[in-house]
Amino acid sequence: MSYKEVDPVQAQSLMKEKDNLLLLDVREQFEYDKAHIEGVKLLPLGELPDRLSELDKEQPVLCICAGGVRSEKAARFLLSHDFQDVTNMQEGMKGWLARGLPASP
């Protein structure tokens, strides 16, 4: 099984379509503090293995980071731990903000 990839505009559509979608931001706190998507769960990539039990394997997950690299690693990690519905947002918050999509400071 593999994860799906979407660009920021597709990610925004996915957020509207799936009520129970977990927005998993795997950046660091200082990055999150600059700008984040409302409703995300901040869980830095380095903490993901130790905090995996906080996540529901049955819930669809959209992984987000700054540029798409860490979120891709998070997506692969989640799939390797039996998560079923995992999507990576390519281009990350840089792409999201470049398109003028809504973000909270």
PDB file of N, CA and C in Angstrom:
ATOM      1  N   MET A   1       0.842  -1.183   0.000  1.00  0.00           N
ATOM      2  CA  MET A   1       0.000   0.000   0.000  1.00  0.00           C
ATOM      3  C   MET A   1       0.886   1.245   0.000  1.00  0.00           C
ATOM      4  N   SER A   2       0.411   2.290  -0.678  1.00  0.00           N
ATOM      5  CA  SER A   2       1.193   3.519  -0.714  1.00  0.00           C
ATOM      6  C   SER A   2       0.308   4.709  -0.348  1.00  0.00           C
ATOM      7  N   TYR A   3       0.972   5.782  -0.032  1.00  0.00           N
ATOM      8  CA  TYR A   3       0.246   6.999   0.322  1.00  0.00           C
ATOM      9  C   TYR A   3      -0.092   7.766  -0.957  1.00  0.00           C
ATOM     10  N   LYS A   4      -1.054   8.657  -0.845  1.00  0.00           N
ATOM     11  CA  LYS A   4      -1.437   9.513  -1.960  1.00  0.00           C
ATOM     12  C   LYS A   4      -0.679  10.838  -1.834  1.00  0.00           C
ATOM     13  N   GLU A   5      -0.569  11.555  -2.938  1.00  0.00           N
ATOM     14  CA  GLU A   5       0.056  12.871  -2.905  1.00  0.00           C
ATOM     15  C   GLU A   5      -0.894  13.877  -3.540  1.00  0.00           C
ATOM     16  N   VAL A   6      -1.000  15.029  -2.893  1.00  0.00           N
ATOM     17  CA  VAL A   6      -1.843  16.102  -3.413  1.00  0.00           C
ATOM     18  C   VAL A   6      -1.078  17.415  -3.319  1.00  0.00           C
ATOM     19  N   ASP A   7      -1.440  18.357  -4.176  1.00  0.00           N
ATOM     20  CA  ASP A   7      -0.859  19.691  -4.050  1.00  0.00           C
ATOM     21  C   ASP A   7      -1.711  20.471  -3.045  1.00  0.00           C
ATOM     22  N   PRO A   8      -1.302  21.665  -2.661  1.00  0.00           N
ATOM     23  CA  PRO A   8      -2.053  22.403  -1.642  1.00  0.00           C
ATOM     24  C   PRO A   8      -3.521  22.670  -1.993  1.00  0.00           C
ATOM     25  N   VAL A   9      -3.815  22.956  -3.255  1.00  0.00           N
ATOM     26  CA  VAL A   9      -5.207  23.207  -3.645  1.00  0.00           C
ATOM     27  C   VAL A   9      -6.031  21.931  -3.505  1.00  0.00           C
ATOM     28  N   GLN A  10      -5.473  20.804  -3.938  1.00  0.00           N
ATOM     29  CA  GLN A  10      -6.156  19.519  -3.780  1.00  0.00           C
ATOM     30  C   GLN A  10      -6.314  19.180  -2.294  1.00  0.00           C
ATOM     31  N   ALA A  11      -5.315  19.545  -1.496  1.00  0.00           N
ATOM     32  CA  ALA A  11      -5.385  19.288  -0.052  1.00  0.00           C
ATOM     33  C   ALA A  11      -6.546  20.061   0.564  1.00  0.00           C
ATOM     34  N   GLN A  12      -6.718  21.301   0.143  1.00  0.00           N
ATOM     35  CA  GLN A  12      -7.824  22.103   0.670  1.00  0.00           C
ATOM     36  C   GLN A  12      -9.161  21.458   0.314  1.00  0.00           C
ATOM     37  N   SER A  13      -9.288  20.935  -0.888  1.00  0.00           N
ATOM     38  CA  SER A  13     -10.519  20.239  -1.293  1.00  0.00           C
ATOM     39  C   SER A  13     -10.734  18.991  -0.453  1.00  0.00           C
ATOM     40  N   LEU A  14      -9.653  18.260  -0.213  1.00  0.00           N
ATOM     41  CA  LEU A  14      -9.727  17.050   0.608  1.00  0.00           C
ATOM     42  C   LEU A  14     -10.216  17.380   2.019  1.00  0.00           C
ATOM     43  N   MET A  15      -9.766  18.497   2.559  1.00  0.00           N
ATOM     44  CA  MET A  15     -10.173  18.925   3.897  1.00  0.00           C
ATOM     45  C   MET A  15     -11.678  19.185   3.949  1.00  0.00           C
ATOM     46  N   LYS A  16     -12.220  19.698   2.863  1.00  0.00           N
ATOM     47  CA  LYS A  16     -13.658  19.980   2.803  1.00  0.00           C
ATOM     48  C   LYS A  16     -14.470  18.700   2.616  1.00  0.00           C
ATOM     49  N   GLU A  17     -13.893  17.725   1.909  1.00  0.00           N
ATOM     50  CA  GLU A  17     -14.596  16.479   1.597  1.00  0.00           C
ATOM     51  C   GLU A  17     -14.649  15.509   2.772  1.00  0.00           C
ATOM     52  N   LYS A  18     -13.574  15.426   3.524  1.00  0.00           N
ATOM     53  CA  LYS A  18     -13.476  14.421   4.593  1.00  0.00           C
ATOM     54  C   LYS A  18     -13.586  15.086   5.966  1.00  0.00           C
ATOM     55  N   ASP A  19     -14.726  14.913   6.600  1.00  0.00           N
ATOM     56  CA  ASP A  19     -14.975  15.523   7.913  1.00  0.00           C
ATOM     57  C   ASP A  19     -13.993  15.065   8.975  1.00  0.00           C
ATOM     58  N   ASN A  20     -13.625  13.796   8.927  1.00  0.00           N
ATOM     59  CA  ASN A  20     -12.786  13.226   9.983  1.00  0.00           C
ATOM     60  C   ASN A  20     -11.298  13.208   9.637  1.00  0.00           C
ATOM     61  N   LEU A  21     -10.901  13.982   8.640  1.00  0.00           N
ATOM     62  CA  LEU A  21      -9.500  14.018   8.204  1.00  0.00           C
ATOM     63  C   LEU A  21      -8.619  14.644   9.281  1.00  0.00           C
ATOM     64  N   LEU A  22      -7.565  13.930   9.668  1.00  0.00           N
ATOM     65  CA  LEU A  22      -6.581  14.460  10.611  1.00  0.00           C
ATOM     66  C   LEU A  22      -5.522  15.215   9.822  1.00  0.00           C
ATOM     67  N   LEU A  23      -5.374  16.497  10.125  1.00  0.00           N
ATOM     68  CA  LEU A  23      -4.320  17.303   9.517  1.00  0.00           C
ATOM     69  C   LEU A  23      -3.114  17.217  10.434  1.00  0.00           C
ATOM     70  N   LEU A  24      -2.110  16.478  10.020  1.00  0.00           N
ATOM     71  CA  LEU A  24      -0.947  16.226  10.855  1.00  0.00           C
ATOM     72  C   LEU A  24       0.230  17.071  10.386  1.00  0.00           C
ATOM     73  N   ASP A  25       0.550  18.099  11.157  1.00  0.00           N
ATOM     74  CA  ASP A  25       1.656  19.003  10.849  1.00  0.00           C
ATOM     75  C   ASP A  25       2.896  18.474  11.554  1.00  0.00           C
ATOM     76  N   VAL A  26       3.899  18.053  10.778  1.00  0.00           N
ATOM     77  CA  VAL A  26       5.081  17.423  11.373  1.00  0.00           C
ATOM     78  C   VAL A  26       6.278  18.383  11.446  1.00  0.00           C
ATOM     79  N   ARG A  27       6.001  19.695  11.357  1.00  0.00           N
ATOM     80  CA  ARG A  27       7.069  20.683  11.497  1.00  0.00           C
ATOM     81  C   ARG A  27       7.372  20.899  12.980  1.00  0.00           C
ATOM     82  N   GLU A  28       8.336  21.750  13.233  1.00  0.00           N
ATOM     83  CA  GLU A  28       8.705  22.103  14.597  1.00  0.00           C
ATOM     84  C   GLU A  28       7.821  23.247  15.091  1.00  0.00           C
ATOM     85  N   GLN A  29       7.774  23.433  16.394  1.00  0.00           N
ATOM     86  CA  GLN A  29       6.914  24.453  16.998  1.00  0.00           C
ATOM     87  C   GLN A  29       7.163  25.850  16.423  1.00  0.00           C
ATOM     88  N   PHE A  30       8.437  26.221  16.245  1.00  0.00           N
ATOM     89  CA  PHE A  30       8.738  27.574  15.752  1.00  0.00           C
ATOM     90  C   PHE A  30       8.209  27.786  14.334  1.00  0.00           C
ATOM     91  N   GLU A  31       8.176  26.724  13.540  1.00  0.00           N
ATOM     92  CA  GLU A  31       7.637  26.829  12.182  1.00  0.00           C
ATOM     93  C   GLU A  31       6.108  26.969  12.231  1.00  0.00           C
ATOM     94  N   TYR A  32       5.511  26.176  13.091  1.00  0.00           N
ATOM     95  CA  TYR A  32       4.067  26.212  13.297  1.00  0.00           C
ATOM     96  C   TYR A  32       3.628  27.600  13.757  1.00  0.00           C
ATOM     97  N   ASP A  33       4.407  28.200  14.652  1.00  0.00           N
ATOM     98  CA  ASP A  33       4.071  29.509  15.205  1.00  0.00           C
ATOM     99  C   ASP A  33       4.054  30.608  14.136  1.00  0.00           C
ATOM    100  N   LYS A  34       4.840  30.447  13.077  1.00  0.00           N
ATOM    101  CA  LYS A  34       4.887  31.450  12.005  1.00  0.00           C
ATOM    102  C   LYS A  34       3.612  31.419  11.170  1.00  0.00           C
ATOM    103  N   ALA A  35       3.149  30.233  10.828  1.00  0.00           N
ATOM    104  CA  ALA A  35       1.921  30.067  10.044  1.00  0.00           C
ATOM    105  C   ALA A  35       1.527  28.599  10.049  1.00  0.00           C
ATOM    106  N   HIS A  36       0.241  28.354  10.235  1.00  0.00           N
ATOM    107  CA  HIS A  36      -0.261  26.980  10.188  1.00  0.00           C
ATOM    108  C   HIS A  36      -1.700  26.976   9.696  1.00  0.00           C
ATOM    109  N   ILE A  37      -2.128  25.816   9.281  1.00  0.00           N
ATOM    110  CA  ILE A  37      -3.502  25.636   8.832  1.00  0.00           C
ATOM    111  C   ILE A  37      -4.354  25.410  10.072  1.00  0.00           C
ATOM    112  N   GLU A  38      -5.462  26.109  10.145  1.00  0.00           N
ATOM    113  CA  GLU A  38      -6.332  25.978  11.315  1.00  0.00           C
ATOM    114  C   GLU A  38      -6.812  24.530  11.454  1.00  0.00           C
ATOM    115  N   GLY A  39      -6.759  24.027  12.684  1.00  0.00           N
ATOM    116  CA  GLY A  39      -7.249  22.685  12.963  1.00  0.00           C
ATOM    117  C   GLY A  39      -6.210  21.579  12.874  1.00  0.00           C
ATOM    118  N   VAL A  40      -4.954  21.927  12.573  1.00  0.00           N
ATOM    119  CA  VAL A  40      -3.920  20.883  12.483  1.00  0.00           C
ATOM    120  C   VAL A  40      -3.537  20.381  13.871  1.00  0.00           C
ATOM    121  N   LYS A  41      -3.018  19.164  13.887  1.00  0.00           N
ATOM    122  CA  LYS A  41      -2.398  18.619  15.098  1.00  0.00           C
ATOM    123  C   LYS A  41      -0.903  18.726  14.871  1.00  0.00           C
ATOM    124  N   LEU A  42      -0.213  19.467  15.719  1.00  0.00           N
ATOM    125  CA  LEU A  42       1.237  19.594  15.610  1.00  0.00           C
ATOM    126  C   LEU A  42       1.883  18.402  16.302  1.00  0.00           C
ATOM    127  N   LEU A  43       2.655  17.653  15.528  1.00  0.00           N
ATOM    128  CA  LEU A  43       3.383  16.510  16.065  1.00  0.00           C
ATOM    129  C   LEU A  43       4.695  16.434  15.270  1.00  0.00           C
ATOM    130  N   PRO A  44       5.749  17.088  15.764  1.00  0.00           N
ATOM    131  CA  PRO A  44       7.014  17.120  15.020  1.00  0.00           C
ATOM    132  C   PRO A  44       7.495  15.720  14.616  1.00  0.00           C
ATOM    133  N   LEU A  45       8.050  15.637  13.428  1.00  0.00           N
ATOM    134  CA  LEU A  45       8.471  14.350  12.873  1.00  0.00           C
ATOM    135  C   LEU A  45       9.326  13.551  13.850  1.00  0.00           C
ATOM    136  N   GLY A  46      10.248  14.211  14.532  1.00  0.00           N
ATOM    137  CA  GLY A  46      11.124  13.515  15.466  1.00  0.00           C
ATOM    138  C   GLY A  46      10.395  12.890  16.649  1.00  0.00           C
ATOM    139  N   GLU A  47       9.201  13.388  16.952  1.00  0.00           N
ATOM    140  CA  GLU A  47       8.411  12.869  18.074  1.00  0.00           C
ATOM    141  C   GLU A  47       7.398  11.821  17.627  1.00  0.00           C
ATOM    142  N   LEU A  48       7.213  11.679  16.333  1.00  0.00           N
ATOM    143  CA  LEU A  48       6.179  10.783  15.808  1.00  0.00           C
ATOM    144  C   LEU A  48       6.286   9.349  16.327  1.00  0.00           C
ATOM    145  N   PRO A  49       7.466   8.725  16.316  1.00  0.00           N
ATOM    146  CA  PRO A  49       7.534   7.341  16.808  1.00  0.00           C
ATOM    147  C   PRO A  49       7.074   7.196  18.266  1.00  0.00           C
ATOM    148  N   ASP A  50       7.441   8.134  19.117  1.00  0.00           N
ATOM    149  CA  ASP A  50       7.086   8.048  20.538  1.00  0.00           C
ATOM    150  C   ASP A  50       5.641   8.419  20.816  1.00  0.00           C
ATOM    151  N   ARG A  51       5.013   9.163  19.906  1.00  0.00           N
ATOM    152  CA  ARG A  51       3.651   9.646  20.140  1.00  0.00           C
ATOM    153  C   ARG A  51       2.633   9.016  19.190  1.00  0.00           C
ATOM    154  N   LEU A  52       3.038   7.944  18.522  1.00  0.00           N
ATOM    155  CA  LEU A  52       2.173   7.283  17.547  1.00  0.00           C
ATOM    156  C   LEU A  52       0.838   6.853  18.154  1.00  0.00           C
ATOM    157  N   SER A  53       0.840   6.499  19.422  1.00  0.00           N
ATOM    158  CA  SER A  53      -0.384   6.027  20.087  1.00  0.00           C
ATOM    159  C   SER A  53      -1.447   7.128  20.188  1.00  0.00           C
ATOM    160  N   GLU A  54      -1.067   8.391  19.964  1.00  0.00           N
ATOM    161  CA  GLU A  54      -2.032   9.500  19.998  1.00  0.00           C
ATOM    162  C   GLU A  54      -2.903   9.530  18.743  1.00  0.00           C
ATOM    163  N   LEU A  55      -2.527   8.771  17.733  1.00  0.00           N
ATOM    164  CA  LEU A  55      -3.219   8.799  16.454  1.00  0.00           C
ATOM    165  C   LEU A  55      -4.080   7.544  16.268  1.00  0.00           C
ATOM    166  N   ASP A  56      -5.169   7.702  15.534  1.00  0.00           N
ATOM    167  CA  ASP A  56      -6.098   6.611  15.241  1.00  0.00           C
ATOM    168  C   ASP A  56      -5.771   6.054  13.858  1.00  0.00           C
ATOM    169  N   LYS A  57      -5.421   4.773  13.800  1.00  0.00           N
ATOM    170  CA  LYS A  57      -5.036   4.150  12.531  1.00  0.00           C
ATOM    171  C   LYS A  57      -6.178   4.111  11.519  1.00  0.00           C
ATOM    172  N   GLU A  58      -7.406   4.217  12.005  1.00  0.00           N
ATOM    173  CA  GLU A  58      -8.569   4.160  11.122  1.00  0.00           C
ATOM    174  C   GLU A  58      -8.920   5.530  10.537  1.00  0.00           C
ATOM    175  N   GLN A  59      -8.354   6.595  11.095  1.00  0.00           N
ATOM    176  CA  GLN A  59      -8.676   7.951  10.651  1.00  0.00           C
ATOM    177  C   GLN A  59      -7.810   8.334   9.456  1.00  0.00           C
ATOM    178  N   PRO A  60      -8.401   8.918   8.410  1.00  0.00           N
ATOM    179  CA  PRO A  60      -7.564   9.388   7.296  1.00  0.00           C
ATOM    180  C   PRO A  60      -6.648  10.525   7.760  1.00  0.00           C
ATOM    181  N   VAL A  61      -5.410  10.529   7.247  1.00  0.00           N
ATOM    182  CA  VAL A  61      -4.398  11.491   7.686  1.00  0.00           C
ATOM    183  C   VAL A  61      -3.834  12.246   6.488  1.00  0.00           C
ATOM    184  N   LEU A  62      -3.734  13.567   6.635  1.00  0.00           N
ATOM    185  CA  LEU A  62      -3.051  14.401   5.661  1.00  0.00           C
ATOM    186  C   LEU A  62      -1.797  14.935   6.340  1.00  0.00           C
ATOM    187  N   CYS A  63      -0.638  14.542   5.850  1.00  0.00           N
ATOM    188  CA  CYS A  63       0.644  14.961   6.436  1.00  0.00           C
ATOM    189  C   CYS A  63       1.109  16.262   5.788  1.00  0.00           C
ATOM    190  N   ILE A  64       1.539  17.203   6.646  1.00  0.00           N
ATOM    191  CA  ILE A  64       1.931  18.542   6.208  1.00  0.00           C
ATOM    192  C   ILE A  64       3.263  18.904   6.849  1.00  0.00           C
ATOM    193  N   CYS A  65       4.148  19.553   6.082  1.00  0.00           N
ATOM    194  CA  CYS A  65       5.382  20.103   6.654  1.00  0.00           C
ATOM    195  C   CYS A  65       5.687  21.410   5.932  1.00  0.00           C
ATOM    196  N   ALA A  66       6.924  21.833   5.917  1.00  0.00           N
ATOM    197  CA  ALA A  66       7.278  23.101   5.285  1.00  0.00           C
ATOM    198  C   ALA A  66       7.332  22.995   3.762  1.00  0.00           C
ATOM    199  N   GLY A  67       7.948  21.926   3.249  1.00  0.00           N
ATOM    200  CA  GLY A  67       8.137  21.806   1.811  1.00  0.00           C
ATOM    201  C   GLY A  67       7.738  20.482   1.199  1.00  0.00           C
ATOM    202  N   GLY A  68       7.323  19.519   2.022  1.00  0.00           N
ATOM    203  CA  GLY A  68       6.868  18.237   1.506  1.00  0.00           C
ATOM    204  C   GLY A  68       7.788  17.065   1.775  1.00  0.00           C
ATOM    205  N   VAL A  69       8.993  17.321   2.277  1.00  0.00           N
ATOM    206  CA  VAL A  69       9.947  16.225   2.505  1.00  0.00           C
ATOM    207  C   VAL A  69       9.667  15.501   3.825  1.00  0.00           C
ATOM    208  N   ARG A  70       9.549  16.255   4.913  1.00  0.00           N
ATOM    209  CA  ARG A  70       9.272  15.614   6.207  1.00  0.00           C
ATOM    210  C   ARG A  70       7.901  14.965   6.220  1.00  0.00           C
ATOM    211  N   SER A  71       6.940  15.596   5.563  1.00  0.00           N
ATOM    212  CA  SER A  71       5.598  15.000   5.530  1.00  0.00           C
ATOM    213  C   SER A  71       5.606  13.696   4.738  1.00  0.00           C
ATOM    214  N   GLU A  72       6.449  13.604   3.718  1.00  0.00           N
ATOM    215  CA  GLU A  72       6.582  12.358   2.968  1.00  0.00           C
ATOM    216  C   GLU A  72       7.164  11.268   3.872  1.00  0.00           C
ATOM    217  N   LYS A  73       8.157  11.615   4.674  1.00  0.00           N
ATOM    218  CA  LYS A  73       8.727  10.650   5.630  1.00  0.00           C
ATOM    219  C   LYS A  73       7.669  10.218   6.632  1.00  0.00           C
ATOM    220  N   ALA A  74       6.867  11.171   7.105  1.00  0.00           N
ATOM    221  CA  ALA A  74       5.797  10.846   8.057  1.00  0.00           C
ATOM    222  C   ALA A  74       4.778   9.910   7.416  1.00  0.00           C
ATOM    223  N   ALA A  75       4.428  10.175   6.169  1.00  0.00           N
ATOM    224  CA  ALA A  75       3.456   9.337   5.461  1.00  0.00           C
ATOM    225  C   ALA A  75       3.979   7.904   5.331  1.00  0.00           C
ATOM    226  N   ARG A  76       5.240   7.767   4.955  1.00  0.00           N
ATOM    227  CA  ARG A  76       5.837   6.422   4.843  1.00  0.00           C
ATOM    228  C   ARG A  76       5.851   5.722   6.204  1.00  0.00           C
ATOM    229  N   PHE A  77       6.189   6.463   7.246  1.00  0.00           N
ATOM    230  CA  PHE A  77       6.232   5.901   8.596  1.00  0.00           C
ATOM    231  C   PHE A  77       4.839   5.420   9.018  1.00  0.00           C
ATOM    232  N   LEU A  78       3.828   6.238   8.784  1.00  0.00           N
ATOM    233  CA  LEU A  78       2.466   5.856   9.171  1.00  0.00           C
ATOM    234  C   LEU A  78       2.015   4.605   8.424  1.00  0.00           C
ATOM    235  N   LEU A  79       2.296   4.538   7.124  1.00  0.00           N
ATOM    236  CA  LEU A  79       1.923   3.346   6.362  1.00  0.00           C
ATOM    237  C   LEU A  79       2.617   2.098   6.900  1.00  0.00           C
ATOM    238  N   SER A  80       3.856   2.260   7.307  1.00  0.00           N
ATOM    239  CA  SER A  80       4.601   1.105   7.833  1.00  0.00           C
ATOM    240  C   SER A  80       4.074   0.660   9.199  1.00  0.00           C
ATOM    241  N   HIS A  81       3.206   1.489   9.802  1.00  0.00           N
ATOM    242  CA  HIS A  81       2.599   1.151  11.087  1.00  0.00           C
ATOM    243  C   HIS A  81       1.091   0.956  10.960  1.00  0.00           C
ATOM    244  N   ASP A  82       0.684   0.434   9.804  1.00  0.00           N
ATOM    245  CA  ASP A  82      -0.688  -0.025   9.556  1.00  0.00           C
ATOM    246  C   ASP A  82      -1.747   1.061   9.442  1.00  0.00           C
ATOM    247  N   PHE A  83      -1.349   2.297   9.175  1.00  0.00           N
ATOM    248  CA  PHE A  83      -2.344   3.317   8.864  1.00  0.00           C
ATOM    249  C   PHE A  83      -2.810   3.055   7.438  1.00  0.00           C
ATOM    250  N   GLN A  84      -4.102   3.216   7.189  1.00  0.00           N
ATOM    251  CA  GLN A  84      -4.685   2.811   5.913  1.00  0.00           C
ATOM    252  C   GLN A  84      -4.809   3.938   4.892  1.00  0.00           C
ATOM    253  N   ASP A  85      -5.196   5.119   5.338  1.00  0.00           N
ATOM    254  CA  ASP A  85      -5.530   6.214   4.427  1.00  0.00           C
ATOM    255  C   ASP A  85      -4.622   7.407   4.733  1.00  0.00           C
ATOM    256  N   VAL A  86      -3.495   7.471   4.029  1.00  0.00           N
ATOM    257  CA  VAL A  86      -2.473   8.490   4.295  1.00  0.00           C
ATOM    258  C   VAL A  86      -2.203   9.292   3.018  1.00  0.00           C
ATOM    259  N   THR A  87      -2.182  10.609   3.172  1.00  0.00           N
ATOM    260  CA  THR A  87      -1.926  11.500   2.042  1.00  0.00           C
ATOM    261  C   THR A  87      -0.824  12.484   2.429  1.00  0.00           C
ATOM    262  N   ASN A  88       0.063  12.767   1.491  1.00  0.00           N
ATOM    263  CA  ASN A  88       1.128  13.748   1.690  1.00  0.00           C
ATOM    264  C   ASN A  88       0.796  15.006   0.902  1.00  0.00           C
ATOM    265  N   MET A  89       0.917  16.167   1.559  1.00  0.00           N
ATOM    266  CA  MET A  89       0.722  17.429   0.845  1.00  0.00           C
ATOM    267  C   MET A  89       2.063  17.884   0.279  1.00  0.00           C
ATOM    268  N   GLN A  90       2.200  17.754  -1.032  1.00  0.00           N
ATOM    269  CA  GLN A  90       3.416  18.199  -1.708  1.00  0.00           C
ATOM    270  C   GLN A  90       3.552  19.714  -1.566  1.00  0.00           C
ATOM    271  N   GLU A  91       4.758  20.181  -1.564  1.00  0.00           N
ATOM    272  CA  GLU A  91       5.096  21.613  -1.481  1.00  0.00           C
ATOM    273  C   GLU A  91       4.882  22.189  -0.079  1.00  0.00           C
ATOM    274  N   GLY A  92       4.207  21.462   0.796  1.00  0.00           N
ATOM    275  CA  GLY A  92       4.028  21.875   2.177  1.00  0.00           C
ATOM    276  C   GLY A  92       3.434  23.261   2.361  1.00  0.00           C
ATOM    277  N   MET A  93       3.740  23.845   3.517  1.00  0.00           N
ATOM    278  CA  MET A  93       3.204  25.172   3.848  1.00  0.00           C
ATOM    279  C   MET A  93       3.733  26.246   2.898  1.00  0.00           C
ATOM    280  N   LYS A  94       4.912  26.035   2.342  1.00  0.00           N
ATOM    281  CA  LYS A  94       5.443  27.011   1.378  1.00  0.00           C
ATOM    282  C   LYS A  94       4.494  27.106   0.179  1.00  0.00           C
ATOM    283  N   GLY A  95       4.078  25.961  -0.324  1.00  0.00           N
ATOM    284  CA  GLY A  95       3.151  25.930  -1.455  1.00  0.00           C
ATOM    285  C   GLY A  95       1.772  26.444  -1.069  1.00  0.00           C
ATOM    286  N   TRP A  96       1.346  26.104   0.143  1.00  0.00           N
ATOM    287  CA  TRP A  96       0.040  26.550   0.648  1.00  0.00           C
ATOM    288  C   TRP A  96      -0.005  28.083   0.704  1.00  0.00           C
ATOM    289  N   LEU A  97       1.010  28.665   1.330  1.00  0.00           N
ATOM    290  CA  LEU A  97       1.061  30.120   1.478  1.00  0.00           C
ATOM    291  C   LEU A  97       1.271  30.822   0.135  1.00  0.00           C
ATOM    292  N   ALA A  98       2.050  30.221  -0.750  1.00  0.00           N
ATOM    293  CA  ALA A  98       2.307  30.816  -2.067  1.00  0.00           C
ATOM    294  C   ALA A  98       1.022  30.938  -2.875  1.00  0.00           C
ATOM    295  N   ARG A  99       0.070  30.074  -2.597  1.00  0.00           N
ATOM    296  CA  ARG A  99      -1.219  30.111  -3.308  1.00  0.00           C
ATOM    297  C   ARG A  99      -2.237  31.004  -2.593  1.00  0.00           C
ATOM    298  N   GLY A 100      -1.828  31.615  -1.498  1.00  0.00           N
ATOM    299  CA  GLY A 100      -2.726  32.507  -0.782  1.00  0.00           C
ATOM    300  C   GLY A 100      -3.826  31.798  -0.026  1.00  0.00           C
ATOM    301  N   LEU A 101      -3.613  30.523   0.304  1.00  0.00           N
ATOM    302  CA  LEU A 101      -4.617  29.759   1.040  1.00  0.00           C
ATOM    303  C   LEU A 101      -4.605  30.189   2.503  1.00  0.00           C
ATOM    304  N   PRO A 102      -5.727  30.021   3.205  1.00  0.00           N
ATOM    305  CA  PRO A 102      -5.833  30.556   4.573  1.00  0.00           C
ATOM    306  C   PRO A 102      -4.910  29.856   5.580  1.00  0.00           C
ATOM    307  N   ALA A 103      -4.270  30.691   6.386  1.00  0.00           N
ATOM    308  CA  ALA A 103      -3.378  30.176   7.444  1.00  0.00           C
ATOM    309  C   ALA A 103      -3.489  31.091   8.649  1.00  0.00           C
ATOM    310  N   SER A 104      -3.289  30.496   9.820  1.00  0.00           N
ATOM    311  CA  SER A 104      -3.299  31.260  11.068  1.00  0.00           C
ATOM    312  C   SER A 104      -1.870  31.554  11.488  1.00  0.00           C
ATOM    313  N   PRO A 105      -1.642  32.707  12.097  1.00  0.00           N
ATOM    314  CA  PRO A 105      -0.290  33.026  12.574  1.00  0.00           C
ATOM    315  C   PRO A 105       0.004  32.289  13.880  1.00  0.00           C
TER     316      PRO A 105
END
